[in-house]
Amino acid sequence: YSEESTKDYQHSYEITARRVLGAAPEHVDKYTFFPSA
């Protein structure tokens, strides 16, 4: 990305794919989540 403000890691391919494949339940809030490997 060119500008600091445009970085949106929630739309990172890697992060999103890890979430789908990890098969963990949806996280509860910003600090509580069920971990996968």
All heavy atoms as atom14 arrays in JSON, in Angstrom:
{
  "sequence": "YSEESTKDYQHSYEITARRVLGAAPEHVDKYTFFPSA",
  "atom14_mask": [
    [1, 1, 1, 1, 1, 1, 1, 1, 1, 1, 1, 1, 0, 0],
    [1, 1, 1, 1, 1, 1, 0, 0, 0, 0, 0, 0, 0, 0],
    [1, 1, 1, 1, 1, 1, 1, 1, 1, 0, 0, 0, 0, 0],
    [1, 1, 1, 1, 1, 1, 1, 1, 1, 0, 0, 0, 0, 0],
    [1, 1, 1, 1, 1, 1, 0, 0, 0, 0, 0, 0, 0, 0],
    [1, 1, 1, 1, 1, 1, 1, 0, 0, 0, 0, 0, 0, 0],
    [1, 1, 1, 1, 1, 1, 1, 1, 1, 0, 0, 0, 0, 0],
    [1, 1, 1, 1, 1, 1, 1, 1, 0, 0, 0, 0, 0, 0],
    [1, 1, 1, 1, 1, 1, 1, 1, 1, 1, 1, 1, 0, 0],
    [1, 1, 1, 1, 1, 1, 1, 1, 1, 0, 0, 0, 0, 0],
    [1, 1, 1, 1, 1, 1, 1, 1, 1, 1, 0, 0, 0, 0],
    [1, 1, 1, 1, 1, 1, 0, 0, 0, 0, 0, 0, 0, 0],
    [1, 1, 1, 1, 1, 1, 1, 1, 1, 1, 1, 1, 0, 0],
    [1, 1, 1, 1, 1, 1, 1, 1, 1, 0, 0, 0, 0, 0],
    [1, 1, 1, 1, 1, 1, 1, 1, 0, 0, 0, 0, 0, 0],
    [1, 1, 1, 1, 1, 1, 1, 0, 0, 0, 0, 0, 0, 0],
    [1, 1, 1, 1, 1, 0, 0, 0, 0, 0, 0, 0, 0, 0],
    [1, 1, 1, 1, 1, 1, 1, 1, 1, 1, 1, 0, 0, 0],
    [1, 1, 1, 1, 1, 1, 1, 1, 1, 1, 1, 0, 0, 0],
    [1, 1, 1, 1, 1, 1, 1, 0, 0, 0, 0, 0, 0, 0],
    [1, 1, 1, 1, 1, 1, 1, 1, 0, 0, 0, 0, 0, 0],
    [1, 1, 1, 1, 0, 0, 0, 0, 0, 0, 0, 0, 0, 0],
    [1, 1, 1, 1, 1, 0, 0, 0, 0, 0, 0, 0, 0, 0],
    [1, 1, 1, 1, 1, 0, 0, 0, 0, 0, 0, 0, 0, 0],
    [1, 1, 1, 1, 1, 1, 1, 0, 0, 0, 0, 0, 0, 0],
    [1, 1, 1, 1, 1, 1, 1, 1, 1, 0, 0, 0, 0, 0],
    [1, 1, 1, 1, 1, 1, 1, 1, 1, 1, 0, 0, 0, 0],
    [1, 1, 1, 1, 1, 1, 1, 0, 0, 0, 0, 0, 0, 0],
    [1, 1, 1, 1, 1, 1, 1, 1, 0, 0, 0, 0, 0, 0],
    [1, 1, 1, 1, 1, 1, 1, 1, 1, 0, 0, 0, 0, 0],
    [1, 1, 1, 1, 1, 1, 1, 1, 1, 1, 1, 1, 0, 0],
    [1, 1, 1, 1, 1, 1, 1, 0, 0, 0, 0, 0, 0, 0],
    [1, 1, 1, 1, 1, 1, 1, 1, 1, 1, 1, 0, 0, 0],
    [1, 1, 1, 1, 1, 1, 1, 1, 1, 1, 1, 0, 0, 0],
    [1, 1, 1, 1, 1, 1, 1, 0, 0, 0, 0, 0, 0, 0],
    [1, 1, 1, 1, 1, 1, 0, 0, 0, 0, 0, 0, 0, 0],
    [1, 1, 1, 1, 1, 0, 0, 0, 0, 0, 0, 0, 0, 0]
  ],
  "atom14_positions": [
    [[0.83, -1.2, 0.0], [0.0, 0.0, 0.0], [0.87, 1.26, 0.0], [1.96, 1.28, 0.53], [-0.9, 0.02, 1.24], [-1.73, -1.23, 1.38], [-1.34, -2.26, 2.23], [-2.9, -1.39, 0.65], [-2.1, -3.4, 2.37], [-3.67, -2.53, 0.77], [-3.26, -3.54, 1.63], [-4.01, -4.67, 1.76], [0.0, 0.0, 0.0], [0.0, 0.0, 0.0]],
    [[0.34, 2.31, -0.57], [1.08, 3.56, -0.67], [0.9, 4.43, 0.57], [1.81, 5.1, 1.01], [0.64, 4.35, -1.9], [0.88, 3.62, -3.07], [0.0, 0.0, 0.0], [0.0, 0.0, 0.0], [0.0, 0.0, 0.0], [0.0, 0.0, 0.0], [0.0, 0.0, 0.0], [0.0, 0.0, 0.0], [0.0, 0.0, 0.0], [0.0, 0.0, 0.0]],
    [[-0.29, 4.43, 1.12], [-0.58, 5.3, 2.26], [-0.91, 4.46, 3.49], [-1.55, 3.42, 3.41], [-1.78, 6.22, 1.94], [-1.53, 7.17, 0.79], [-0.43, 8.17, 1.09], [-0.22, 8.49, 2.28], [0.21, 8.63, 0.13], [0.0, 0.0, 0.0], [0.0, 0.0, 0.0], [0.0, 0.0, 0.0], [0.0, 0.0, 0.0], [0.0, 0.0, 0.0]],
    [[-0.44, 4.95, 4.64], [-0.67, 4.26, 5.91], [-2.16, 4.02, 6.14], [-2.56, 2.97, 6.61], [-0.1, 5.11, 7.04], [0.13, 4.37, 8.35], [1.41, 3.55, 8.33], [2.34, 3.92, 7.61], [1.44, 2.53, 9.02], [0.0, 0.0, 0.0], [0.0, 0.0, 0.0], [0.0, 0.0, 0.0], [0.0, 0.0, 0.0], [0.0, 0.0, 0.0]],
    [[-2.99, 4.98, 5.75], [-4.42, 4.9, 6.05], [-5.14, 3.84, 5.21], [-6.25, 3.46, 5.54], [-5.07, 6.26, 5.81], [-4.9, 6.65, 4.46], [0.0, 0.0, 0.0], [0.0, 0.0, 0.0], [0.0, 0.0, 0.0], [0.0, 0.0, 0.0], [0.0, 0.0, 0.0], [0.0, 0.0, 0.0], [0.0, 0.0, 0.0], [0.0, 0.0, 0.0]],
    [[-4.52, 3.37, 4.13], [-5.21, 2.42, 3.26], [-5.0, 0.98, 3.7], [-5.58, 0.08, 3.11], [-4.72, 2.57, 1.81], [-3.33, 2.21, 1.74], [-4.91, 3.97, 1.3], [0.0, 0.0, 0.0], [0.0, 0.0, 0.0], [0.0, 0.0, 0.0], [0.0, 0.0, 0.0], [0.0, 0.0, 0.0], [0.0, 0.0, 0.0], [0.0, 0.0, 0.0]],
    [[-4.17, 0.73, 4.68], [-3.88, -0.64, 5.07], [-5.07, -1.25, 5.79], [-5.53, -0.74, 6.79], [-2.63, -0.68, 5.96], [-1.38, -0.24, 5.2], [-0.19, -0.15, 6.12], [0.99, 0.44, 5.34], [2.16, 0.66, 6.19], [0.0, 0.0, 0.0], [0.0, 0.0, 0.0], [0.0, 0.0, 0.0], [0.0, 0.0, 0.0], [0.0, 0.0, 0.0]],
    [[-5.54, -2.35, 5.26], [-6.7, -3.02, 5.85], [-6.4, -4.51, 5.91], [-6.71, -5.26, 4.99], [-7.94, -2.75, 4.99], [-9.19, -3.41, 5.57], [-9.1, -3.95, 6.69], [-10.22, -3.42, 4.9], [0.0, 0.0, 0.0], [0.0, 0.0, 0.0], [0.0, 0.0, 0.0], [0.0, 0.0, 0.0], [0.0, 0.0, 0.0], [0.0, 0.0, 0.0]],
    [[-5.78, -4.92, 7.0], [-5.35, -6.31, 7.08], [-6.51, -7.27, 7.31], [-6.35, -8.48, 7.18], [-4.3, -6.46, 8.19], [-3.04, -5.67, 7.91], [-2.63, -4.66, 8.76], [-2.28, -5.93, 6.77], [-1.48, -3.94, 8.49], [-1.14, -5.21, 6.5], [-0.74, -4.21, 7.37], [0.39, -3.49, 7.1], [0.0, 0.0, 0.0], [0.0, 0.0, 0.0]],
    [[-7.7, -6.72, 7.66], [-8.86, -7.59, 7.75], [-9.23, -8.12, 6.36], [-9.92, -9.11, 6.23], [-10.04, -6.84, 8.36], [-9.84, -6.49, 9.83], [-9.46, -7.7, 10.68], [-8.32, -7.85, 11.08], [-10.4, -8.57, 10.94], [0.0, 0.0, 0.0], [0.0, 0.0, 0.0], [0.0, 0.0, 0.0], [0.0, 0.0, 0.0], [0.0, 0.0, 0.0]],
    [[-8.75, -7.43, 5.31], [-8.96, -7.9, 3.95], [-7.64, -8.4, 3.36], [-7.38, -8.26, 2.17], [-9.58, -6.81, 3.08], [-11.03, -6.6, 3.4], [-11.46, -5.75, 4.38], [-12.15, -7.16, 2.88], [-12.78, -5.78, 4.45], [-13.22, -6.62, 3.55], [0.0, 0.0, 0.0], [0.0, 0.0, 0.0], [0.0, 0.0, 0.0], [0.0, 0.0, 0.0]],
    [[-6.85, -9.0, 4.2], [-5.64, -9.7, 3.77], [-6.03, -11.1, 3.32], [-6.81, -11.8, 4.0], [-4.64, -9.78, 4.93], [-3.77, -10.88, 4.78], [0.0, 0.0, 0.0], [0.0, 0.0, 0.0], [0.0, 0.0, 0.0], [0.0, 0.0, 0.0], [0.0, 0.0, 0.0], [0.0, 0.0, 0.0], [0.0, 0.0, 0.0], [0.0, 0.0, 0.0]],
    [[-5.49, -11.53, 2.2], [-5.78, -12.88, 1.71], [-5.33, -13.91, 2.73], [-6.08, -14.85, 3.06], [-5.07, -13.11, 0.38], [-5.32, -14.48, -0.21], [-6.4, -14.72, -1.06], [-4.48, -15.56, 0.09], [-6.64, -15.98, -1.59], [-4.71, -16.82, -0.44], [-5.79, -17.03, -1.27], [-6.02, -18.28, -1.79], [0.0, 0.0, 0.0], [0.0, 0.0, 0.0]],
    [[-4.11, -13.77, 3.23], [-3.58, -14.75, 4.19], [-4.44, -14.83, 5.45], [-4.8, -15.93, 5.9], [-2.15, -14.39, 4.59], [-1.08, -14.79, 3.61], [0.3, -14.57, 4.2], [0.56, -13.49, 4.76], [1.13, -15.48, 4.1], [0.0, 0.0, 0.0], [0.0, 0.0, 0.0], [0.0, 0.0, 0.0], [0.0, 0.0, 0.0], [0.0, 0.0, 0.0]],
    [[-4.74, -13.7, 6.04], [-5.48, -13.69, 7.3], [-6.88, -14.27, 7.11], [-7.35, -15.08, 7.91], [-5.55, -12.26, 7.87], [-4.16, -11.8, 8.3], [-6.52, -12.19, 9.05], [-4.1, -10.36, 8.76], [0.0, 0.0, 0.0], [0.0, 0.0, 0.0], [0.0, 0.0, 0.0], [0.0, 0.0, 0.0], [0.0, 0.0, 0.0], [0.0, 0.0, 0.0]],
    [[-7.53, -13.88, 6.03], [-8.87, -14.39, 5.77], [-8.85, -15.89, 5.53], [-9.71, -16.63, 6.04], [-9.49, -13.67, 4.56], [-9.43, -12.26, 4.77], [-10.93, -14.08, 4.35], [0.0, 0.0, 0.0], [0.0, 0.0, 0.0], [0.0, 0.0, 0.0], [0.0, 0.0, 0.0], [0.0, 0.0, 0.0], [0.0, 0.0, 0.0], [0.0, 0.0, 0.0]],
    [[-7.88, -16.37, 4.75], [-7.79, -17.81, 4.46], [-7.51, -18.6, 5.73], [-8.06, -19.7, 5.93], [-6.7, -18.05, 3.43], [0.0, 0.0, 0.0], [0.0, 0.0, 0.0], [0.0, 0.0, 0.0], [0.0, 0.0, 0.0], [0.0, 0.0, 0.0], [0.0, 0.0, 0.0], [0.0, 0.0, 0.0], [0.0, 0.0, 0.0], [0.0, 0.0, 0.0]],
    [[-6.66, -18.08, 6.6], [-6.39, -18.77, 7.88], [-7.66, -18.86, 8.71], [-7.9, -19.89, 9.37], [-5.3, -18.01, 8.66], [-3.88, -18.21, 8.14], [-2.9, -17.28, 8.82], [-1.54, -17.45, 8.37], [-0.6, -18.16, 8.99], [-0.91, -18.77, 10.11], [0.62, -18.25, 8.51], [0.0, 0.0, 0.0], [0.0, 0.0, 0.0], [0.0, 0.0, 0.0]],
    [[-8.47, -17.82, 8.7], [-9.71, -17.85, 9.47], [-10.65, -18.92, 8.94], [-11.26, -19.67, 9.71], [-10.36, -16.46, 9.39], [-11.5, -16.21, 10.35], [-11.03, -16.09, 11.8], [-9.86, -15.25, 11.95], [-9.85, -13.92, 11.93], [-10.98, -13.27, 11.75], [-8.74, -13.25, 12.1], [0.0, 0.0, 0.0], [0.0, 0.0, 0.0], [0.0, 0.0, 0.0]],
    [[-10.78, -19.0, 7.63], [-11.69, -19.99, 7.03], [-11.2, -21.41, 7.29], [-11.97, -22.28, 7.71], [-11.83, -19.74, 5.52], [-12.59, -20.88, 4.85], [-12.54, -18.41, 5.27], [0.0, 0.0, 0.0], [0.0, 0.0, 0.0], [0.0, 0.0, 0.0], [0.0, 0.0, 0.0], [0.0, 0.0, 0.0], [0.0, 0.0, 0.0], [0.0, 0.0, 0.0]],
    [[-9.91, -21.66, 7.07], [-9.38, -23.02, 7.18], [-9.18, -23.44, 8.63], [-9.17, -24.64, 8.94], [-8.04, -23.11, 6.44], [-8.12, -22.94, 4.92], [-6.72, -22.89, 4.31], [-8.91, -24.08, 4.29], [0.0, 0.0, 0.0], [0.0, 0.0, 0.0], [0.0, 0.0, 0.0], [0.0, 0.0, 0.0], [0.0, 0.0, 0.0], [0.0, 0.0, 0.0]],
    [[-9.0, -22.46, 9.55], [-8.79, -22.81, 10.95], [-10.0, -23.45, 11.59], [-9.88, -24.21, 12.56], [0.0, 0.0, 0.0], [0.0, 0.0, 0.0], [0.0, 0.0, 0.0], [0.0, 0.0, 0.0], [0.0, 0.0, 0.0], [0.0, 0.0, 0.0], [0.0, 0.0, 0.0], [0.0, 0.0, 0.0], [0.0, 0.0, 0.0], [0.0, 0.0, 0.0]],
    [[-11.18, -23.15, 11.07], [-12.44, -23.78, 11.49], [-12.82, -23.47, 12.94], [-13.56, -24.22, 13.57], [-12.38, -25.31, 11.29], [0.0, 0.0, 0.0], [0.0, 0.0, 0.0], [0.0, 0.0, 0.0], [0.0, 0.0, 0.0], [0.0, 0.0, 0.0], [0.0, 0.0, 0.0], [0.0, 0.0, 0.0], [0.0, 0.0, 0.0], [0.0, 0.0, 0.0]],
    [[-12.29, -22.38, 13.48], [-12.66, -22.0, 14.84], [-14.02, -21.3, 14.85], [-14.41, -20.66, 13.86], [-11.6, -21.07, 15.43], [0.0, 0.0, 0.0], [0.0, 0.0, 0.0], [0.0, 0.0, 0.0], [0.0, 0.0, 0.0], [0.0, 0.0, 0.0], [0.0, 0.0, 0.0], [0.0, 0.0, 0.0], [0.0, 0.0, 0.0], [0.0, 0.0, 0.0]],
    [[-14.75, -21.36, 15.96], [-15.99, -20.59, 16.07], [-15.71, -19.1, 15.95], [-14.58, -18.65, 16.15], [-16.5, -20.93, 17.48], [-15.81, -22.21, 17.84], [-14.48, -22.18, 17.15], [0.0, 0.0, 0.0], [0.0, 0.0, 0.0], [0.0, 0.0, 0.0], [0.0, 0.0, 0.0], [0.0, 0.0, 0.0], [0.0, 0.0, 0.0], [0.0, 0.0, 0.0]],
    [[-16.73, -18.33, 15.61], [-16.57, -16.89, 15.47], [-16.12, -16.28, 16.8], [-16.57, -16.71, 17.87], [-17.89, -16.25, 15.05], [-18.28, -16.57, 13.62], [-17.26, -16.03, 12.62], [-17.06, -14.81, 12.55], [-16.67, -16.86, 11.9], [0.0, 0.0, 0.0], [0.0, 0.0, 0.0], [0.0, 0.0, 0.0], [0.0, 0.0, 0.0], [0.0, 0.0, 0.0]],
    [[-15.24, -15.27, 16.72], [-14.75, -14.66, 17.95], [-15.88, -13.88, 18.62], [-16.8, -13.37, 17.97], [-13.54, -13.76, 17.67], [-13.76, -12.68, 16.68], [-13.76, -12.89, 15.32], [-14.0, -11.35, 16.86], [-13.98, -11.75, 14.69], [-14.13, -10.8, 15.6], [0.0, 0.0, 0.0], [0.0, 0.0, 0.0], [0.0, 0.0, 0.0], [0.0, 0.0, 0.0]],
    [[-15.79, -13.78, 19.94], [-16.87, -13.21, 20.74], [-16.84, -11.69, 20.7], [-17.86, -11.03, 20.51], [-16.76, -13.72, 22.2], [-17.83, -13.09, 23.07], [-16.86, -15.24, 22.23], [0.0, 0.0, 0.0], [0.0, 0.0, 0.0], [0.0, 0.0, 0.0], [0.0, 0.0, 0.0], [0.0, 0.0, 0.0], [0.0, 0.0, 0.0], [0.0, 0.0, 0.0]],
    [[-15.65, -11.11, 20.93], [-15.49, -9.66, 20.89], [-14.06, -9.37, 20.47], [-13.34, -10.27, 20.03], [-15.84, -9.03, 22.25], [-15.03, -9.62, 23.4], [-13.81, -9.84, 23.23], [-15.61, -9.87, 24.47], [0.0, 0.0, 0.0], [0.0, 0.0, 0.0], [0.0, 0.0, 0.0], [0.0, 0.0, 0.0], [0.0, 0.0, 0.0], [0.0, 0.0, 0.0]],
    [[-13.65, -8.11, 20.6], [-12.33, -7.72, 20.08], [-11.18, -8.41, 20.8], [-10.06, -8.45, 20.29], [-12.16, -6.21, 20.17], [-12.17, -5.64, 21.59], [-12.02, -4.13, 21.58], [-12.05, -3.55, 23.0], [-11.9, -2.08, 23.0], [0.0, 0.0, 0.0], [0.0, 0.0, 0.0], [0.0, 0.0, 0.0], [0.0, 0.0, 0.0], [0.0, 0.0, 0.0]],
    [[-11.43, -8.95, 22.0], [-10.36, -9.57, 22.78], [-10.58, -11.06, 23.06], [-9.72, -11.71, 23.64], [-10.19, -8.86, 24.12], [-9.61, -7.47, 24.03], [-10.04, -6.46, 24.89], [-8.62, -7.16, 23.1], [-9.5, -5.18, 24.83], [-8.09, -5.88, 23.02], [-8.52, -4.9, 23.88], [-7.98, -3.64, 23.81], [0.0, 0.0, 0.0], [0.0, 0.0, 0.0]],
    [[-11.71, -11.61, 22.7], [-12.01, -12.99, 23.04], [-12.24, -13.79, 21.76], [-13.14, -13.49, 20.99], [-13.27, -13.09, 23.93], [-13.11, -12.21, 25.05], [-13.45, -14.52, 24.43], [0.0, 0.0, 0.0], [0.0, 0.0, 0.0], [0.0, 0.0, 0.0], [0.0, 0.0, 0.0], [0.0, 0.0, 0.0], [0.0, 0.0, 0.0], [0.0, 0.0, 0.0]],
    [[-11.41, -14.8, 21.56], [-11.55, -15.63, 20.37], [-11.2, -17.07, 20.72], [-10.54, -17.35, 21.72], [-10.65, -15.12, 19.24], [-9.17, -15.27, 19.51], [-8.45, -16.33, 18.97], [-8.5, -14.34, 20.3], [-7.1, -16.46, 19.22], [-7.15, -14.46, 20.54], [-6.43, -15.53, 20.01], [0.0, 0.0, 0.0], [0.0, 0.0, 0.0], [0.0, 0.0, 0.0]],
    [[-11.66, -17.98, 19.89], [-11.35, -19.4, 20.06], [-10.2, -19.74, 19.11], [-10.38, -19.68, 17.89], [-12.58, -20.26, 19.76], [-13.71, -20.01, 20.69], [-14.67, -19.05, 20.42], [-13.83, -20.74, 21.86], [-15.72, -18.8, 21.28], [-14.88, -20.5, 22.75], [-15.83, -19.53, 22.45], [0.0, 0.0, 0.0], [0.0, 0.0, 0.0], [0.0, 0.0, 0.0]],
    [[-9.04, -20.07, 19.64], [-7.85, -20.19, 18.77], [-7.86, -21.46, 17.93], [-8.39, -22.51, 18.33], [-6.71, -20.22, 19.78], [-7.3, -20.77, 21.03], [-8.73, -20.27, 21.06], [0.0, 0.0, 0.0], [0.0, 0.0, 0.0], [0.0, 0.0, 0.0], [0.0, 0.0, 0.0], [0.0, 0.0, 0.0], [0.0, 0.0, 0.0], [0.0, 0.0, 0.0]],
    [[-7.28, -21.34, 16.75], [-6.95, -22.5, 15.93], [-5.44, -22.51, 15.75], [-4.76, -21.52, 16.05], [-7.64, -22.43, 14.56], [-6.99, -21.48, 13.73], [0.0, 0.0, 0.0], [0.0, 0.0, 0.0], [0.0, 0.0, 0.0], [0.0, 0.0, 0.0], [0.0, 0.0, 0.0], [0.0, 0.0, 0.0], [0.0, 0.0, 0.0], [0.0, 0.0, 0.0]],
    [[-4.9, -23.59, 15.24], [-3.46, -23.67, 15.02], [-2.99, -22.59, 14.05], [-1.85, -22.12, 14.14], [-3.07, -25.06, 14.51], [0.0, 0.0, 0.0], [0.0, 0.0, 0.0], [0.0, 0.0, 0.0], [0.0, 0.0, 0.0], [0.0, 0.0, 0.0], [0.0, 0.0, 0.0], [0.0, 0.0, 0.0], [0.0, 0.0, 0.0], [0.0, 0.0, 0.0]]
  ]
}
